[in-house]
Amino acid sequence: MGEEQEPEPQSQVEAEAVHQDDGLDLARAAARAAAGSMPKGVRRRRTGGPRRRTDSQVSGSHPDQRDPQLLGSQLERLVAERGWELELRVRGVFARWPELVGEEVGAHCTPEAFTDGKLTVRTDSTAWATQLKLLAPALVRRLNEELGHGTVTLIDIVGPHLPRGVGGRRRTRDSRGPRDTYG
């Protein structure tokens, strides 16, 4: 009884549990454990070489959403998603103002704001403000042709910015100061 012997394994599992010096037995056991722990139907990712697509993204000769898109179509989509159509049309009218109202009228008045169907137009003199008030119905009709029916409902015409006649040595009491026709 002086020498101890290793007990012989009684089953296949115990036989594999005996450690070998080269370490292959540990690698095999780890691989079996990993293969057994994965649910059925799940594919493992390959670690080397080119990747294969396992999902529904399959490249083909037909265009799809992953292909490069034209800039114009993407801008149209963005404008539609954000609801900027009317704002862009109004800004286009502001940019083409002299073309829409005529060169002479466009030289003496400019659009300032558009909110809730009301277009504010500033003139460079009170005479042009009066003239534009007479042209307002035709102007509303023309703008609605450009922007869509019922977009512009009212044109608010304001006169020029003028200095206030507040002081000075030769000022009369209760005077309103200089007007745009002064001088």
N, C-alpha and C. Protein backbone atom coordinates (compact mmCIF):
# COMPACT_ATOMS: atom_id res chain seq x y z
N MET A 1 0.77 -1.17 0.00
CA MET A 1 0.00 0.00 0.00
C MET A 1 0.83 1.25 0.00
N GLY A 2 1.99 1.25 -0.36
CA GLY A 2 2.83 2.41 -0.33
C GLY A 2 2.57 3.35 -1.48
N GLU A 3 2.17 2.84 -2.59
CA GLU A 3 1.92 3.71 -3.74
C GLU A 3 0.43 4.00 -3.87
N GLU A 4 0.16 5.26 -4.19
CA GLU A 4 -1.24 5.62 -4.41
C GLU A 4 -1.54 5.59 -5.89
N GLN A 5 -2.63 5.04 -6.23
CA GLN A 5 -3.05 5.01 -7.62
C GLN A 5 -4.23 5.95 -7.79
N GLU A 6 -4.31 6.51 -9.01
CA GLU A 6 -5.46 7.34 -9.32
C GLU A 6 -6.65 6.44 -9.51
N PRO A 7 -7.78 6.84 -8.92
CA PRO A 7 -8.97 6.02 -9.13
C PRO A 7 -9.42 6.11 -10.57
N GLU A 8 -9.86 5.02 -11.11
CA GLU A 8 -10.31 5.00 -12.49
C GLU A 8 -11.71 5.61 -12.58
N PRO A 9 -11.94 6.45 -13.63
CA PRO A 9 -13.26 7.05 -13.78
C PRO A 9 -14.29 5.98 -14.08
N GLN A 10 -15.48 6.19 -13.57
CA GLN A 10 -16.52 5.19 -13.72
C GLN A 10 -17.46 5.49 -14.88
N SER A 11 -17.49 6.71 -15.35
CA SER A 11 -18.38 7.03 -16.47
C SER A 11 -17.62 7.87 -17.50
N GLN A 12 -18.28 8.12 -18.62
CA GLN A 12 -17.68 8.92 -19.70
C GLN A 12 -17.45 10.35 -19.23
N VAL A 13 -18.39 10.94 -18.46
CA VAL A 13 -18.28 12.30 -18.00
C VAL A 13 -17.09 12.42 -17.06
N GLU A 14 -16.94 11.46 -16.17
CA GLU A 14 -15.80 11.50 -15.26
C GLU A 14 -14.50 11.29 -16.03
N ALA A 15 -14.55 10.53 -17.10
CA ALA A 15 -13.35 10.30 -17.90
C ALA A 15 -12.90 11.59 -18.55
N GLU A 16 -13.87 12.40 -19.02
CA GLU A 16 -13.51 13.66 -19.63
C GLU A 16 -13.12 14.69 -18.59
N ALA A 17 -13.57 14.52 -17.36
CA ALA A 17 -13.26 15.47 -16.31
C ALA A 17 -11.81 15.36 -15.85
N VAL A 18 -11.17 14.29 -16.16
CA VAL A 18 -9.77 14.12 -15.76
C VAL A 18 -8.94 15.06 -16.62
N HIS A 19 -8.10 15.83 -15.98
CA HIS A 19 -7.32 16.87 -16.64
C HIS A 19 -6.13 16.28 -17.38
N GLN A 20 -5.95 16.78 -18.61
CA GLN A 20 -4.78 16.38 -19.38
C GLN A 20 -3.84 17.57 -19.45
N ASP A 21 -2.59 17.32 -19.59
CA ASP A 21 -1.58 18.38 -19.55
C ASP A 21 -1.62 19.31 -20.75
N ASP A 22 -2.09 18.86 -21.90
CA ASP A 22 -2.07 19.73 -23.09
C ASP A 22 -3.19 20.78 -23.08
N GLY A 23 -4.21 20.71 -22.24
CA GLY A 23 -5.26 21.71 -22.11
C GLY A 23 -6.39 21.58 -23.11
N LEU A 24 -6.28 20.59 -24.01
CA LEU A 24 -7.34 20.40 -25.00
C LEU A 24 -8.64 19.97 -24.34
N ASP A 25 -8.53 19.27 -23.25
CA ASP A 25 -9.75 18.84 -22.58
C ASP A 25 -10.54 20.03 -22.02
N LEU A 26 -9.86 21.05 -21.54
CA LEU A 26 -10.54 22.25 -21.04
C LEU A 26 -11.19 23.03 -22.19
N ALA A 27 -10.49 23.11 -23.31
CA ALA A 27 -11.04 23.82 -24.47
C ALA A 27 -12.28 23.11 -24.99
N ARG A 28 -12.25 21.77 -25.05
CA ARG A 28 -13.41 21.02 -25.52
C ARG A 28 -14.59 21.21 -24.57
N ALA A 29 -14.33 21.20 -23.27
CA ALA A 29 -15.40 21.36 -22.29
C ALA A 29 -16.03 22.76 -22.40
N ALA A 30 -15.20 23.78 -22.60
CA ALA A 30 -15.72 25.14 -22.74
C ALA A 30 -16.55 25.28 -24.00
N ALA A 31 -16.11 24.67 -25.09
CA ALA A 31 -16.85 24.74 -26.35
C ALA A 31 -18.19 24.03 -26.22
N ARG A 32 -18.21 22.89 -25.55
CA ARG A 32 -19.48 22.17 -25.37
C ARG A 32 -20.43 22.98 -24.49
N ALA A 33 -19.89 23.61 -23.47
CA ALA A 33 -20.74 24.40 -22.57
C ALA A 33 -21.33 25.60 -23.31
N ALA A 34 -20.51 26.24 -24.14
CA ALA A 34 -21.00 27.41 -24.89
C ALA A 34 -22.04 26.98 -25.91
N ALA A 35 -21.84 25.87 -26.58
CA ALA A 35 -22.80 25.40 -27.57
C ALA A 35 -24.10 25.00 -26.92
N GLY A 36 -24.04 24.45 -25.75
CA GLY A 36 -25.25 24.02 -25.06
C GLY A 36 -26.02 25.17 -24.44
N SER A 37 -25.36 26.31 -24.17
CA SER A 37 -26.04 27.42 -23.50
C SER A 37 -26.77 28.34 -24.45
N MET A 38 -26.54 28.23 -25.77
CA MET A 38 -27.20 29.11 -26.73
C MET A 38 -28.58 28.57 -27.07
N PRO A 39 -29.59 29.45 -27.11
CA PRO A 39 -30.94 29.00 -27.50
C PRO A 39 -30.96 28.57 -28.96
N LYS A 40 -31.94 27.72 -29.28
CA LYS A 40 -32.03 27.23 -30.66
C LYS A 40 -32.46 28.35 -31.59
N GLY A 41 -31.97 28.35 -32.82
CA GLY A 41 -32.34 29.33 -33.82
C GLY A 41 -31.48 30.58 -33.81
N VAL A 42 -30.62 30.74 -32.82
CA VAL A 42 -29.75 31.91 -32.76
C VAL A 42 -28.42 31.54 -33.38
N ARG A 43 -28.02 32.31 -34.32
CA ARG A 43 -26.74 32.03 -34.98
C ARG A 43 -25.62 32.75 -34.27
N ARG A 44 -24.52 32.11 -34.21
CA ARG A 44 -23.34 32.75 -33.62
C ARG A 44 -22.64 33.58 -34.66
N ARG A 45 -22.04 34.64 -34.22
CA ARG A 45 -21.28 35.50 -35.11
C ARG A 45 -19.94 34.87 -35.41
N ARG A 46 -19.56 34.97 -36.64
CA ARG A 46 -18.24 34.48 -37.01
C ARG A 46 -17.21 35.52 -36.62
N THR A 47 -16.11 35.08 -36.12
CA THR A 47 -15.09 36.03 -35.67
C THR A 47 -14.08 36.33 -36.76
N GLY A 48 -13.88 35.48 -37.67
CA GLY A 48 -12.88 35.72 -38.72
C GLY A 48 -13.52 35.72 -40.08
N GLY A 49 -12.85 36.33 -41.04
CA GLY A 49 -13.32 36.33 -42.41
C GLY A 49 -14.43 37.33 -42.64
N PRO A 50 -14.94 37.40 -43.87
CA PRO A 50 -16.01 38.35 -44.18
C PRO A 50 -17.30 37.96 -43.48
N ARG A 51 -18.06 38.95 -43.10
CA ARG A 51 -19.32 38.71 -42.41
C ARG A 51 -20.42 38.45 -43.43
N ARG A 52 -21.29 37.55 -43.06
CA ARG A 52 -22.46 37.28 -43.88
C ARG A 52 -23.65 37.95 -43.21
N ARG A 53 -24.56 38.48 -44.00
CA ARG A 53 -25.76 39.08 -43.45
C ARG A 53 -26.75 37.98 -43.10
N THR A 54 -27.23 38.04 -41.84
CA THR A 54 -28.20 37.04 -41.42
C THR A 54 -29.57 37.66 -41.24
N ASP A 55 -29.67 39.00 -41.35
CA ASP A 55 -30.97 39.64 -41.17
C ASP A 55 -31.59 39.96 -42.53
N SER A 56 -32.61 40.81 -42.54
CA SER A 56 -33.35 41.08 -43.78
C SER A 56 -32.66 42.09 -44.69
N GLN A 57 -31.54 42.66 -44.27
CA GLN A 57 -30.85 43.63 -45.12
C GLN A 57 -30.00 42.89 -46.15
N VAL A 58 -30.58 42.73 -47.30
CA VAL A 58 -29.89 42.02 -48.35
C VAL A 58 -29.63 43.01 -49.47
N SER A 59 -28.41 43.11 -49.87
CA SER A 59 -28.06 44.01 -50.95
C SER A 59 -28.50 43.39 -52.27
N GLY A 60 -28.94 44.21 -53.17
CA GLY A 60 -29.37 43.71 -54.46
C GLY A 60 -29.26 44.79 -55.51
N SER A 61 -29.74 44.50 -56.67
CA SER A 61 -29.65 45.46 -57.77
C SER A 61 -30.75 46.50 -57.72
N HIS A 62 -31.78 46.29 -56.91
CA HIS A 62 -32.88 47.24 -56.83
C HIS A 62 -32.61 48.27 -55.75
N PRO A 63 -33.03 49.54 -55.97
CA PRO A 63 -32.80 50.57 -54.96
C PRO A 63 -33.63 50.32 -53.70
N ASP A 64 -33.07 50.71 -52.57
CA ASP A 64 -33.79 50.66 -51.30
C ASP A 64 -33.39 51.87 -50.46
N GLN A 65 -33.89 51.97 -49.20
CA GLN A 65 -33.68 53.16 -48.37
C GLN A 65 -32.23 53.36 -47.97
N ARG A 66 -31.38 52.34 -48.14
CA ARG A 66 -29.98 52.50 -47.76
C ARG A 66 -29.13 53.12 -48.87
N ASP A 67 -29.69 53.23 -50.07
CA ASP A 67 -28.95 53.81 -51.18
C ASP A 67 -28.85 55.32 -51.02
N PRO A 68 -27.83 55.93 -51.63
CA PRO A 68 -27.74 57.40 -51.60
C PRO A 68 -28.97 58.01 -52.25
N GLN A 69 -29.48 59.09 -51.66
CA GLN A 69 -30.69 59.74 -52.16
C GLN A 69 -30.33 61.09 -52.78
N LEU A 70 -31.18 61.56 -53.69
CA LEU A 70 -30.99 62.87 -54.28
C LEU A 70 -31.26 63.95 -53.25
N LEU A 71 -30.49 65.02 -53.28
CA LEU A 71 -30.62 66.08 -52.29
C LEU A 71 -31.99 66.75 -52.36
N GLY A 72 -32.50 66.98 -53.55
CA GLY A 72 -33.79 67.64 -53.71
C GLY A 72 -34.92 66.84 -53.07
N SER A 73 -34.94 65.54 -53.27
CA SER A 73 -36.00 64.72 -52.68
C SER A 73 -35.90 64.68 -51.16
N GLN A 74 -34.68 64.69 -50.64
CA GLN A 74 -34.50 64.70 -49.18
C GLN A 74 -34.93 66.03 -48.58
N LEU A 75 -34.65 67.13 -49.29
CA LEU A 75 -35.10 68.44 -48.80
C LEU A 75 -36.62 68.55 -48.82
N GLU A 76 -37.24 68.03 -49.87
CA GLU A 76 -38.70 68.04 -49.95
C GLU A 76 -39.31 67.24 -48.80
N ARG A 77 -38.71 66.10 -48.47
CA ARG A 77 -39.19 65.27 -47.37
C ARG A 77 -39.04 66.01 -46.05
N LEU A 78 -37.90 66.69 -45.85
CA LEU A 78 -37.66 67.44 -44.62
C LEU A 78 -38.65 68.59 -44.46
N VAL A 79 -38.89 69.32 -45.54
CA VAL A 79 -39.84 70.45 -45.50
C VAL A 79 -41.25 69.94 -45.19
N ALA A 80 -41.63 68.82 -45.78
CA ALA A 80 -42.96 68.26 -45.52
C ALA A 80 -43.08 67.77 -44.08
N GLU A 81 -42.04 67.13 -43.55
CA GLU A 81 -42.09 66.62 -42.17
C GLU A 81 -42.19 67.76 -41.17
N ARG A 82 -41.48 68.85 -41.41
CA ARG A 82 -41.46 69.96 -40.47
C ARG A 82 -42.61 70.95 -40.65
N GLY A 83 -43.34 70.86 -41.76
CA GLY A 83 -44.47 71.76 -42.00
C GLY A 83 -44.02 73.16 -42.41
N TRP A 84 -42.98 73.24 -43.21
CA TRP A 84 -42.41 74.53 -43.61
C TRP A 84 -42.89 74.98 -44.98
N GLU A 85 -43.86 74.32 -45.60
CA GLU A 85 -44.25 74.64 -46.97
C GLU A 85 -44.73 76.08 -47.10
N LEU A 86 -45.68 76.50 -46.26
CA LEU A 86 -46.23 77.85 -46.35
C LEU A 86 -45.16 78.90 -46.06
N GLU A 87 -44.37 78.65 -45.04
CA GLU A 87 -43.31 79.61 -44.68
C GLU A 87 -42.33 79.81 -45.84
N LEU A 88 -41.95 78.74 -46.51
CA LEU A 88 -41.04 78.87 -47.64
C LEU A 88 -41.69 79.59 -48.82
N ARG A 89 -42.97 79.33 -49.06
CA ARG A 89 -43.66 80.04 -50.14
C ARG A 89 -43.75 81.53 -49.84
N VAL A 90 -44.05 81.88 -48.57
CA VAL A 90 -44.13 83.30 -48.19
C VAL A 90 -42.78 83.96 -48.35
N ARG A 91 -41.72 83.29 -47.91
CA ARG A 91 -40.37 83.86 -48.06
C ARG A 91 -39.99 84.02 -49.54
N GLY A 92 -40.50 83.12 -50.37
CA GLY A 92 -40.30 83.26 -51.81
C GLY A 92 -41.00 84.48 -52.37
N VAL A 93 -42.19 84.77 -51.86
CA VAL A 93 -42.91 85.98 -52.26
C VAL A 93 -42.14 87.22 -51.82
N PHE A 94 -41.63 87.21 -50.61
CA PHE A 94 -40.84 88.34 -50.12
C PHE A 94 -39.62 88.57 -51.01
N ALA A 95 -38.98 87.50 -51.45
CA ALA A 95 -37.79 87.62 -52.29
C ALA A 95 -38.13 88.14 -53.69
N ARG A 96 -39.32 87.80 -54.20
CA ARG A 96 -39.72 88.21 -55.55
C ARG A 96 -40.73 89.34 -55.52
N TRP A 97 -40.77 90.11 -54.48
CA TRP A 97 -41.77 91.17 -54.30
C TRP A 97 -41.87 92.12 -55.49
N PRO A 98 -40.77 92.72 -55.98
CA PRO A 98 -40.90 93.64 -57.13
C PRO A 98 -41.46 92.96 -58.38
N GLU A 99 -41.14 91.70 -58.58
CA GLU A 99 -41.65 90.96 -59.73
C GLU A 99 -43.16 90.74 -59.63
N LEU A 100 -43.65 90.51 -58.42
CA LEU A 100 -45.08 90.22 -58.23
C LEU A 100 -45.95 91.47 -58.26
N VAL A 101 -45.48 92.57 -57.68
CA VAL A 101 -46.32 93.77 -57.59
C VAL A 101 -45.98 94.81 -58.65
N GLY A 102 -44.91 94.59 -59.38
CA GLY A 102 -44.48 95.56 -60.38
C GLY A 102 -43.26 96.32 -59.88
N GLU A 103 -42.42 96.72 -60.82
CA GLU A 103 -41.17 97.39 -60.46
C GLU A 103 -41.39 98.71 -59.73
N GLU A 104 -42.34 99.51 -60.21
CA GLU A 104 -42.55 100.83 -59.61
C GLU A 104 -43.10 100.72 -58.18
N VAL A 105 -44.11 99.87 -57.98
CA VAL A 105 -44.67 99.69 -56.63
C VAL A 105 -43.64 99.02 -55.73
N GLY A 106 -42.93 98.03 -56.25
CA GLY A 106 -41.92 97.32 -55.47
C GLY A 106 -40.76 98.20 -55.04
N ALA A 107 -40.51 99.27 -55.79
CA ALA A 107 -39.43 100.19 -55.42
C ALA A 107 -39.81 101.06 -54.23
N HIS A 108 -41.11 101.22 -53.95
CA HIS A 108 -41.56 102.12 -52.89
C HIS A 108 -42.18 101.42 -51.67
N CYS A 109 -42.30 100.09 -51.71
CA CYS A 109 -42.84 99.38 -50.55
C CYS A 109 -42.19 98.01 -50.43
N THR A 110 -42.13 97.53 -49.20
CA THR A 110 -41.52 96.22 -48.94
C THR A 110 -42.39 95.45 -47.94
N PRO A 111 -42.51 94.14 -48.12
CA PRO A 111 -43.25 93.35 -47.14
C PRO A 111 -42.39 93.16 -45.89
N GLU A 112 -43.02 93.25 -44.72
CA GLU A 112 -42.27 93.11 -43.47
C GLU A 112 -42.58 91.83 -42.72
N ALA A 113 -43.84 91.44 -42.66
CA ALA A 113 -44.21 90.26 -41.88
C ALA A 113 -45.47 89.62 -42.45
N PHE A 114 -45.61 88.33 -42.16
CA PHE A 114 -46.81 87.60 -42.53
C PHE A 114 -47.19 86.71 -41.36
N THR A 115 -48.34 86.98 -40.73
CA THR A 115 -48.83 86.16 -39.63
C THR A 115 -50.34 86.00 -39.73
N ASP A 116 -50.78 84.76 -39.66
CA ASP A 116 -52.21 84.43 -39.64
C ASP A 116 -53.01 85.10 -40.77
N GLY A 117 -52.48 85.07 -41.97
CA GLY A 117 -53.19 85.62 -43.12
C GLY A 117 -53.06 87.12 -43.28
N LYS A 118 -52.33 87.77 -42.40
CA LYS A 118 -52.18 89.23 -42.46
C LYS A 118 -50.76 89.57 -42.92
N LEU A 119 -50.68 90.26 -44.05
CA LEU A 119 -49.40 90.69 -44.60
C LEU A 119 -49.18 92.15 -44.25
N THR A 120 -48.05 92.45 -43.62
CA THR A 120 -47.71 93.83 -43.27
C THR A 120 -46.74 94.37 -44.30
N VAL A 121 -47.08 95.50 -44.91
CA VAL A 121 -46.26 96.12 -45.95
C VAL A 121 -45.92 97.54 -45.51
N ARG A 122 -44.64 97.90 -45.59
CA ARG A 122 -44.20 99.25 -45.22
C ARG A 122 -43.86 100.02 -46.50
N THR A 123 -44.37 101.25 -46.56
CA THR A 123 -44.11 102.12 -47.71
C THR A 123 -43.09 103.18 -47.33
N ASP A 124 -42.49 103.81 -48.34
CA ASP A 124 -41.48 104.84 -48.05
C ASP A 124 -42.07 106.24 -47.98
N SER A 125 -43.37 106.40 -48.22
CA SER A 125 -44.02 107.71 -48.07
C SER A 125 -45.51 107.50 -47.81
N THR A 126 -46.14 108.51 -47.28
CA THR A 126 -47.58 108.41 -47.04
C THR A 126 -48.37 108.40 -48.35
N ALA A 127 -47.83 109.03 -49.36
CA ALA A 127 -48.49 109.01 -50.67
C ALA A 127 -48.54 107.59 -51.22
N TRP A 128 -47.45 106.84 -51.07
CA TRP A 128 -47.43 105.46 -51.54
C TRP A 128 -48.30 104.57 -50.65
N ALA A 129 -48.42 104.90 -49.39
CA ALA A 129 -49.32 104.14 -48.52
C ALA A 129 -50.76 104.29 -49.00
N THR A 130 -51.14 105.50 -49.36
CA THR A 130 -52.49 105.74 -49.88
C THR A 130 -52.69 105.01 -51.20
N GLN A 131 -51.71 105.06 -52.07
CA GLN A 131 -51.79 104.38 -53.36
C GLN A 131 -51.91 102.87 -53.17
N LEU A 132 -51.14 102.31 -52.24
CA LEU A 132 -51.17 100.87 -52.00
C LEU A 132 -52.50 100.43 -51.38
N LYS A 133 -53.13 101.29 -50.59
CA LYS A 133 -54.45 100.97 -50.04
C LYS A 133 -55.48 100.83 -51.16
N LEU A 134 -55.32 101.61 -52.22
CA LEU A 134 -56.22 101.50 -53.36
C LEU A 134 -55.95 100.23 -54.16
N LEU A 135 -54.69 99.78 -54.17
CA LEU A 135 -54.31 98.59 -54.93
C LEU A 135 -54.44 97.30 -54.12
N ALA A 136 -54.82 97.39 -52.85
CA ALA A 136 -54.83 96.23 -51.95
C ALA A 136 -55.68 95.06 -52.45
N PRO A 137 -56.92 95.25 -52.93
CA PRO A 137 -57.69 94.08 -53.39
C PRO A 137 -57.01 93.33 -54.53
N ALA A 138 -56.47 94.05 -55.49
CA ALA A 138 -55.77 93.39 -56.61
C ALA A 138 -54.51 92.70 -56.10
N LEU A 139 -53.84 93.29 -55.13
CA LEU A 139 -52.63 92.71 -54.57
C LEU A 139 -52.94 91.43 -53.80
N VAL A 140 -54.05 91.42 -53.05
CA VAL A 140 -54.46 90.21 -52.33
C VAL A 140 -54.76 89.09 -53.31
N ARG A 141 -55.45 89.41 -54.40
CA ARG A 141 -55.78 88.42 -55.42
C ARG A 141 -54.52 87.83 -56.03
N ARG A 142 -53.56 88.69 -56.36
CA ARG A 142 -52.30 88.24 -56.98
C ARG A 142 -51.49 87.36 -56.02
N LEU A 143 -51.42 87.75 -54.75
CA LEU A 143 -50.66 86.96 -53.78
C LEU A 143 -51.32 85.61 -53.51
N ASN A 144 -52.64 85.58 -53.50
CA ASN A 144 -53.32 84.30 -53.31
C ASN A 144 -53.15 83.37 -54.51
N GLU A 145 -52.96 83.93 -55.69
CA GLU A 145 -52.63 83.09 -56.85
C GLU A 145 -51.28 82.41 -56.64
N GLU A 146 -50.34 83.13 -56.05
CA GLU A 146 -48.99 82.59 -55.80
C GLU A 146 -48.97 81.61 -54.63
N LEU A 147 -49.63 81.97 -53.54
CA LEU A 147 -49.52 81.20 -52.29
C LEU A 147 -50.62 80.17 -52.09
N GLY A 148 -51.71 80.30 -52.77
CA GLY A 148 -52.84 79.41 -52.56
C GLY A 148 -54.04 80.21 -52.07
N HIS A 149 -55.22 79.77 -52.48
CA HIS A 149 -56.45 80.51 -52.18
C HIS A 149 -56.66 80.66 -50.67
N GLY A 150 -56.92 81.89 -50.23
CA GLY A 150 -57.21 82.15 -48.83
C GLY A 150 -56.01 82.32 -47.92
N THR A 151 -54.80 82.30 -48.49
CA THR A 151 -53.61 82.44 -47.66
C THR A 151 -53.48 83.85 -47.12
N VAL A 152 -53.60 84.84 -48.00
CA VAL A 152 -53.55 86.25 -47.58
C VAL A 152 -54.98 86.76 -47.50
N THR A 153 -55.39 87.18 -46.31
CA THR A 153 -56.75 87.69 -46.14
C THR A 153 -56.78 89.20 -45.95
N LEU A 154 -55.67 89.78 -45.47
CA LEU A 154 -55.64 91.20 -45.16
C LEU A 154 -54.24 91.74 -45.41
N ILE A 155 -54.19 92.93 -45.97
CA ILE A 155 -52.90 93.62 -46.12
C ILE A 155 -52.93 94.84 -45.23
N ASP A 156 -52.00 94.88 -44.28
CA ASP A 156 -51.86 96.01 -43.36
C ASP A 156 -50.76 96.91 -43.91
N ILE A 157 -51.12 98.12 -44.30
CA ILE A 157 -50.17 99.04 -44.92
C ILE A 157 -49.77 100.07 -43.89
N VAL A 158 -48.46 100.18 -43.66
CA VAL A 158 -47.95 101.14 -42.70
C VAL A 158 -47.03 102.11 -43.43
N GLY A 159 -47.03 103.34 -42.94
CA GLY A 159 -46.21 104.38 -43.54
C GLY A 159 -44.75 104.27 -43.14
N PRO A 160 -43.98 105.24 -43.53
CA PRO A 160 -42.54 105.20 -43.27
C PRO A 160 -42.22 105.46 -41.79
N HIS A 161 -41.03 105.04 -41.40
CA HIS A 161 -40.51 105.38 -40.07
C HIS A 161 -40.04 106.83 -40.13
N LEU A 162 -40.57 107.66 -39.25
CA LEU A 162 -40.20 109.08 -39.25
C LEU A 162 -39.66 109.48 -37.89
N PRO A 163 -38.79 110.47 -37.87
CA PRO A 163 -38.31 110.94 -36.57
C PRO A 163 -39.42 111.70 -35.85
N ARG A 164 -39.41 111.58 -34.54
CA ARG A 164 -40.40 112.32 -33.76
C ARG A 164 -39.93 113.76 -33.60
N GLY A 165 -40.82 114.69 -33.74
CA GLY A 165 -40.49 116.09 -33.54
C GLY A 165 -40.61 116.44 -32.06
N VAL A 166 -39.57 116.16 -31.31
CA VAL A 166 -39.66 116.29 -29.86
C VAL A 166 -39.08 117.60 -29.36
N GLY A 167 -38.03 118.06 -29.94
CA GLY A 167 -37.40 119.24 -29.35
C GLY A 167 -36.94 120.22 -30.39
N GLY A 168 -36.16 121.18 -29.94
CA GLY A 168 -35.62 122.19 -30.83
C GLY A 168 -35.98 123.57 -30.32
N ARG A 169 -35.21 124.56 -30.76
CA ARG A 169 -35.45 125.92 -30.29
C ARG A 169 -36.70 126.52 -30.90
N ARG A 170 -36.97 126.22 -32.14
CA ARG A 170 -38.11 126.85 -32.81
C ARG A 170 -39.25 125.85 -32.97
N ARG A 171 -39.76 125.44 -31.88
CA ARG A 171 -40.82 124.44 -31.87
C ARG A 171 -42.09 125.09 -31.37
N THR A 172 -43.20 124.76 -32.03
CA THR A 172 -44.48 125.29 -31.57
C THR A 172 -45.14 124.26 -30.66
N ARG A 173 -45.88 124.73 -29.73
CA ARG A 173 -46.54 123.84 -28.80
C ARG A 173 -47.62 123.03 -29.52
N ASP A 174 -47.75 121.74 -29.15
CA ASP A 174 -48.72 120.80 -29.71
C ASP A 174 -48.49 120.50 -31.19
N SER A 175 -47.30 120.77 -31.70
CA SER A 175 -47.02 120.41 -33.11
C SER A 175 -46.62 118.94 -33.18
N ARG A 176 -46.85 118.34 -34.34
CA ARG A 176 -46.55 116.92 -34.52
C ARG A 176 -45.18 116.70 -35.12
N GLY A 177 -44.44 117.72 -35.40
CA GLY A 177 -43.09 117.56 -35.94
C GLY A 177 -43.10 117.39 -37.44
N PRO A 178 -41.95 117.08 -38.01
CA PRO A 178 -41.84 116.96 -39.47
C PRO A 178 -42.58 115.71 -39.98
N ARG A 179 -43.12 115.83 -41.16
CA ARG A 179 -43.77 114.71 -41.82
C ARG A 179 -42.93 114.29 -43.02
N ASP A 180 -43.33 113.26 -43.70
CA ASP A 180 -42.52 112.77 -44.81
C ASP A 180 -42.56 113.73 -46.01
N THR A 181 -43.50 114.65 -46.05
CA THR A 181 -43.55 115.61 -47.14
C THR A 181 -42.82 116.90 -46.76
N TYR A 182 -42.27 116.94 -45.56
CA TYR A 182 -41.56 118.15 -45.09
C TYR A 182 -40.25 118.28 -45.83
N GLY A 183 -39.91 119.49 -46.29
CA GLY A 183 -38.61 119.80 -46.85
C GLY A 183 -38.54 119.55 -48.26
